């Protein structure tokens, strides 16, 4: 959540979660990791988030991945982009990615916000960032 606010556009990333509960089996999701690392058995992008989405949606979603600077040009094929927290990007680069995804008409959110949705904790976890 902190990186969504610090590195990106928190409101747009929050709004991107609105589509999660309406995803269907043939909808494609892109999980984007900026850093390149060796995936492990407990990898958040390739294991934990896909499993959480499967449990939340009730089916195994179609997921594609991109790593590092390999952000796809054709974003329109996706219903949702789930982006990492962007610790390896500066704010300007992350805002640019968010804009590119939104311009393609695709929803975008990040790992932390997605996890909050899948655990039914979004209201609680976003509360510190808004005056109610």
C-alpha atoms as a PDB file:
ATOM      1  CA  UNK A   1       0.000   0.000   0.000  1.00  0.00           C
ATOM      2  CA  UNK A   2       2.777   2.408   0.888  1.00  0.00           C
ATOM      3  CA  UNK A   3       4.501   1.848  -2.455  1.00  0.00           C
ATOM      4  CA  UNK A   4       1.199   2.340  -4.289  1.00  0.00           C
ATOM      5  CA  UNK A   5       1.013   5.791  -2.727  1.00  0.00           C
ATOM      6  CA  UNK A   6       4.727   6.576  -2.889  1.00  0.00           C
ATOM      7  CA  UNK A   7       5.581   5.293  -6.378  1.00  0.00           C
ATOM      8  CA  UNK A   8       2.330   5.407  -8.281  1.00  0.00           C
ATOM      9  CA  UNK A   9      -1.161   6.796  -8.446  1.00  0.00           C
ATOM     10  CA  UNK A  10      -2.839   5.195  -5.441  1.00  0.00           C
ATOM     11  CA  UNK A  11      -6.376   6.018  -6.568  1.00  0.00           C
ATOM     12  CA  UNK A  12      -5.895   4.516 -10.037  1.00  0.00           C
ATOM     13  CA  UNK A  13      -4.299   1.415  -8.543  1.00  0.00           C
ATOM     14  CA  UNK A  14      -7.199   1.071  -6.103  1.00  0.00           C
ATOM     15  CA  UNK A  15      -9.737   1.543  -8.889  1.00  0.00           C
ATOM     16  CA  UNK A  16      -8.021  -1.223 -10.825  1.00  0.00           C
ATOM     17  CA  UNK A  17      -9.236  -3.738  -8.275  1.00  0.00           C
ATOM     18  CA  UNK A  18     -12.868  -3.103  -9.222  1.00  0.00           C
ATOM     19  CA  UNK A  19     -12.521  -5.578 -12.072  1.00  0.00           C
ATOM     20  CA  UNK A  20     -11.088  -8.480 -10.037  1.00  0.00           C
ATOM     21  CA  UNK A  21     -14.391  -9.945  -8.852  1.00  0.00           C
ATOM     22  CA  UNK A  22     -15.834  -9.822 -12.381  1.00  0.00           C
ATOM     23  CA  UNK A  23     -12.931 -11.611 -14.095  1.00  0.00           C
ATOM     24  CA  UNK A  24     -13.860 -14.649 -16.175  1.00  0.00           C
ATOM     25  CA  UNK A  25     -11.872 -17.771 -17.097  1.00  0.00           C
ATOM     26  CA  UNK A  26     -10.800 -16.482 -20.513  1.00  0.00           C
ATOM     27  CA  UNK A  27      -9.756 -13.031 -19.288  1.00  0.00           C
ATOM     28  CA  UNK A  28      -6.028 -12.582 -19.351  1.00  0.00           C
ATOM     29  CA  UNK A  29      -4.071 -11.067 -16.477  1.00  0.00           C
ATOM     30  CA  UNK A  30      -0.548  -9.695 -16.778  1.00  0.00           C
ATOM     31  CA  UNK A  31       1.671  -9.867 -13.716  1.00  0.00           C
ATOM     32  CA  UNK A  32       4.542  -7.442 -14.125  1.00  0.00           C
ATOM     33  CA  UNK A  33       7.766  -7.642 -12.131  1.00  0.00           C
ATOM     34  CA  UNK A  34      10.367  -4.955 -12.651  1.00  0.00           C
ATOM     35  CA  UNK A  35      13.268  -6.727 -10.999  1.00  0.00           C
ATOM     36  CA  UNK A  36      14.686  -9.915 -12.408  1.00  0.00           C
ATOM     37  CA  UNK A  37      15.367 -12.584  -9.834  1.00  0.00           C
ATOM     38  CA  UNK A  38      15.333 -16.339  -9.624  1.00  0.00           C
ATOM     39  CA  UNK A  39      11.808 -17.439  -8.829  1.00  0.00           C
ATOM     40  CA  UNK A  40      11.494 -19.687  -5.794  1.00  0.00           C
ATOM     41  CA  UNK A  41       8.791 -22.081  -4.639  1.00  0.00           C
ATOM     42  CA  UNK A  42       7.230 -19.275  -2.606  1.00  0.00           C
ATOM     43  CA  UNK A  43       7.536 -16.579  -5.276  1.00  0.00           C
ATOM     44  CA  UNK A  44       4.920 -13.878  -4.820  1.00  0.00           C
ATOM     45  CA  UNK A  45       4.267 -13.267  -8.528  1.00  0.00           C
ATOM     46  CA  UNK A  46       4.348 -16.833  -9.812  1.00  0.00           C
ATOM     47  CA  UNK A  47       2.968 -18.735  -6.824  1.00  0.00           C
ATOM     48  CA  UNK A  48       1.304 -16.685  -4.101  1.00  0.00           C
ATOM     49  CA  UNK A  49      -0.742 -14.143  -6.085  1.00  0.00           C
ATOM     50  CA  UNK A  50      -1.964 -16.682  -8.681  1.00  0.00           C
ATOM     51  CA  UNK A  51      -3.055 -19.029  -5.869  1.00  0.00           C
ATOM     52  CA  UNK A  52      -4.804 -16.185  -4.013  1.00  0.00           C
ATOM     53  CA  UNK A  53      -6.606 -15.171  -7.211  1.00  0.00           C
ATOM     54  CA  UNK A  54      -7.633 -18.766  -7.851  1.00  0.00           C
ATOM     55  CA  UNK A  55      -9.053 -19.079  -4.340  1.00  0.00           C
ATOM     56  CA  UNK A  56     -10.829 -15.715  -4.599  1.00  0.00           C
ATOM     57  CA  UNK A  57     -12.257 -16.259  -8.100  1.00  0.00           C
ATOM     58  CA  UNK A  58     -13.014 -19.952  -7.804  1.00  0.00           C
ATOM     59  CA  UNK A  59     -11.068 -20.848 -10.953  1.00  0.00           C
ATOM     60  CA  UNK A  60      -7.478 -20.776 -12.177  1.00  0.00           C
ATOM     61  CA  UNK A  61      -6.988 -17.477 -14.022  1.00  0.00           C
ATOM     62  CA  UNK A  62      -5.042 -17.074 -17.264  1.00  0.00           C
ATOM     63  CA  UNK A  63      -1.839 -15.271 -16.297  1.00  0.00           C
ATOM     64  CA  UNK A  64       1.049 -13.967 -18.390  1.00  0.00           C
ATOM     65  CA  UNK A  65       4.223 -12.502 -16.950  1.00  0.00           C
ATOM     66  CA  UNK A  66       6.709  -9.837 -17.874  1.00  0.00           C
ATOM     67  CA  UNK A  67       9.978  -9.159 -16.107  1.00  0.00           C
ATOM     68  CA  UNK A  68      12.363  -6.216 -16.080  1.00  0.00           C
ATOM     69  CA  UNK A  69      12.000  -3.777 -18.944  1.00  0.00           C
ATOM     70  CA  UNK A  70       9.943  -6.250 -21.009  1.00  0.00           C
ATOM     71  CA  UNK A  71       6.679  -4.381 -20.550  1.00  0.00           C
ATOM     72  CA  UNK A  72       4.434  -5.344 -23.493  1.00  0.00           C
ATOM     73  CA  UNK A  73       3.402  -2.884 -26.167  1.00  0.00           C
ATOM     74  CA  UNK A  74       0.041  -4.570 -26.799  1.00  0.00           C
ATOM     75  CA  UNK A  75      -1.663  -4.166 -23.440  1.00  0.00           C
ATOM     76  CA  UNK A  76      -5.189  -4.348 -24.896  1.00  0.00           C
ATOM     77  CA  UNK A  77      -5.160  -8.160 -24.753  1.00  0.00           C
ATOM     78  CA  UNK A  78      -5.276  -8.006 -20.946  1.00  0.00           C
ATOM     79  CA  UNK A  79      -8.197  -7.306 -18.629  1.00  0.00           C
ATOM     80  CA  UNK A  80      -5.946  -6.538 -15.690  1.00  0.00           C
ATOM     81  CA  UNK A  81      -2.308  -5.704 -15.026  1.00  0.00           C
ATOM     82  CA  UNK A  82      -0.995  -6.517 -11.555  1.00  0.00           C
ATOM     83  CA  UNK A  83       2.248  -4.618 -11.123  1.00  0.00           C
ATOM     84  CA  UNK A  84       4.928  -5.143  -8.520  1.00  0.00           C
ATOM     85  CA  UNK A  85       5.524  -2.431  -5.943  1.00  0.00           C
ATOM     86  CA  UNK A  86       8.041  -0.770  -8.294  1.00  0.00           C
ATOM     87  CA  UNK A  87      10.925  -0.500  -5.846  1.00  0.00           C
ATOM     88  CA  UNK A  88      13.313  -0.656  -8.822  1.00  0.00           C
ATOM     89  CA  UNK A  89      11.485   2.126 -10.716  1.00  0.00           C
ATOM     90  CA  UNK A  90      11.297   5.805  -9.959  1.00  0.00           C
ATOM     91  CA  UNK A  91       7.908   7.460  -9.582  1.00  0.00           C
ATOM     92  CA  UNK A  92       7.990   8.960 -13.077  1.00  0.00           C
ATOM     93  CA  UNK A  93       8.551   5.545 -14.684  1.00  0.00           C
ATOM     94  CA  UNK A  94       5.746   3.935 -12.668  1.00  0.00           C
ATOM     95  CA  UNK A  95       3.319   6.768 -13.460  1.00  0.00           C
ATOM     96  CA  UNK A  96       4.227   6.277 -17.126  1.00  0.00           C
ATOM     97  CA  UNK A  97       3.413   2.560 -16.931  1.00  0.00           C
ATOM     98  CA  UNK A  98       0.106   3.288 -15.212  1.00  0.00           C
ATOM     99  CA  UNK A  99      -0.741   5.812 -17.937  1.00  0.00           C
ATOM    100  CA  UNK A 100       0.140   3.360 -20.726  1.00  0.00           C
ATOM    101  CA  UNK A 101      -2.083   0.688 -19.192  1.00  0.00           C
ATOM    102  CA  UNK A 102      -4.983   3.108 -18.620  1.00  0.00           C
ATOM    103  CA  UNK A 103      -4.620   4.492 -22.173  1.00  0.00           C
ATOM    104  CA  UNK A 104      -5.027   0.918 -23.446  1.00  0.00           C
ATOM    105  CA  UNK A 105      -8.314   0.692 -21.532  1.00  0.00           C
ATOM    106  CA  UNK A 106      -6.976  -1.894 -19.100  1.00  0.00           C
ATOM    107  CA  UNK A 107      -7.302  -1.935 -15.326  1.00  0.00           C
ATOM    108  CA  UNK A 108      -4.095  -1.792 -13.272  1.00  0.00           C
ATOM    109  CA  UNK A 109      -3.335  -2.441  -9.640  1.00  0.00           C
ATOM    110  CA  UNK A 110      -0.355  -3.667  -7.646  1.00  0.00           C
ATOM    111  CA  UNK A 111       0.608  -6.723  -5.624  1.00  0.00           C
ATOM    112  CA  UNK A 112      -0.296  -5.372  -2.190  1.00  0.00           C
ATOM    113  CA  UNK A 113      -3.686  -4.069  -3.206  1.00  0.00           C
ATOM    114  CA  UNK A 114      -4.469  -7.338  -5.018  1.00  0.00           C
ATOM    115  CA  UNK A 115      -3.535  -9.334  -1.939  1.00  0.00           C
ATOM    116  CA  UNK A 116      -5.806  -7.127   0.189  1.00  0.00           C
ATOM    117  CA  UNK A 117      -8.713  -7.771  -2.182  1.00  0.00           C
ATOM    118  CA  UNK A 118      -8.128 -11.526  -2.230  1.00  0.00           C
ATOM    119  CA  UNK A 119      -8.030 -11.626   1.563  1.00  0.00           C
ATOM    120  CA  UNK A 120     -11.133  -9.395   1.845  1.00  0.00           C
ATOM    121  CA  UNK A 121      -9.072  -6.806   3.736  1.00  0.00           C
ATOM    122  CA  UNK A 122      -9.093  -3.891   1.284  1.00  0.00           C
ATOM    123  CA  UNK A 123     -11.210  -1.541   3.383  1.00  0.00           C
ATOM    124  CA  UNK A 124      -9.024  -2.064   6.426  1.00  0.00           C
ATOM    125  CA  UNK A 125      -5.698  -1.796   4.621  1.00  0.00           C
ATOM    126  CA  UNK A 126      -6.555   1.320   2.626  1.00  0.00           C
ATOM    127  CA  UNK A 127      -8.073   3.177   5.595  1.00  0.00           C
ATOM    128  CA  UNK A 128      -4.818   4.859   6.787  1.00  0.00           C
ATOM    129  CA  UNK A 129      -4.449   6.547   3.398  1.00  0.00           C
ATOM    130  CA  UNK A 130      -7.831   8.294   3.365  1.00  0.00           C
ATOM    131  CA  UNK A 131      -9.645  10.647   5.700  1.00  0.00           C
ATOM    132  CA  UNK A 132     -13.036   9.155   6.486  1.00  0.00           C
END
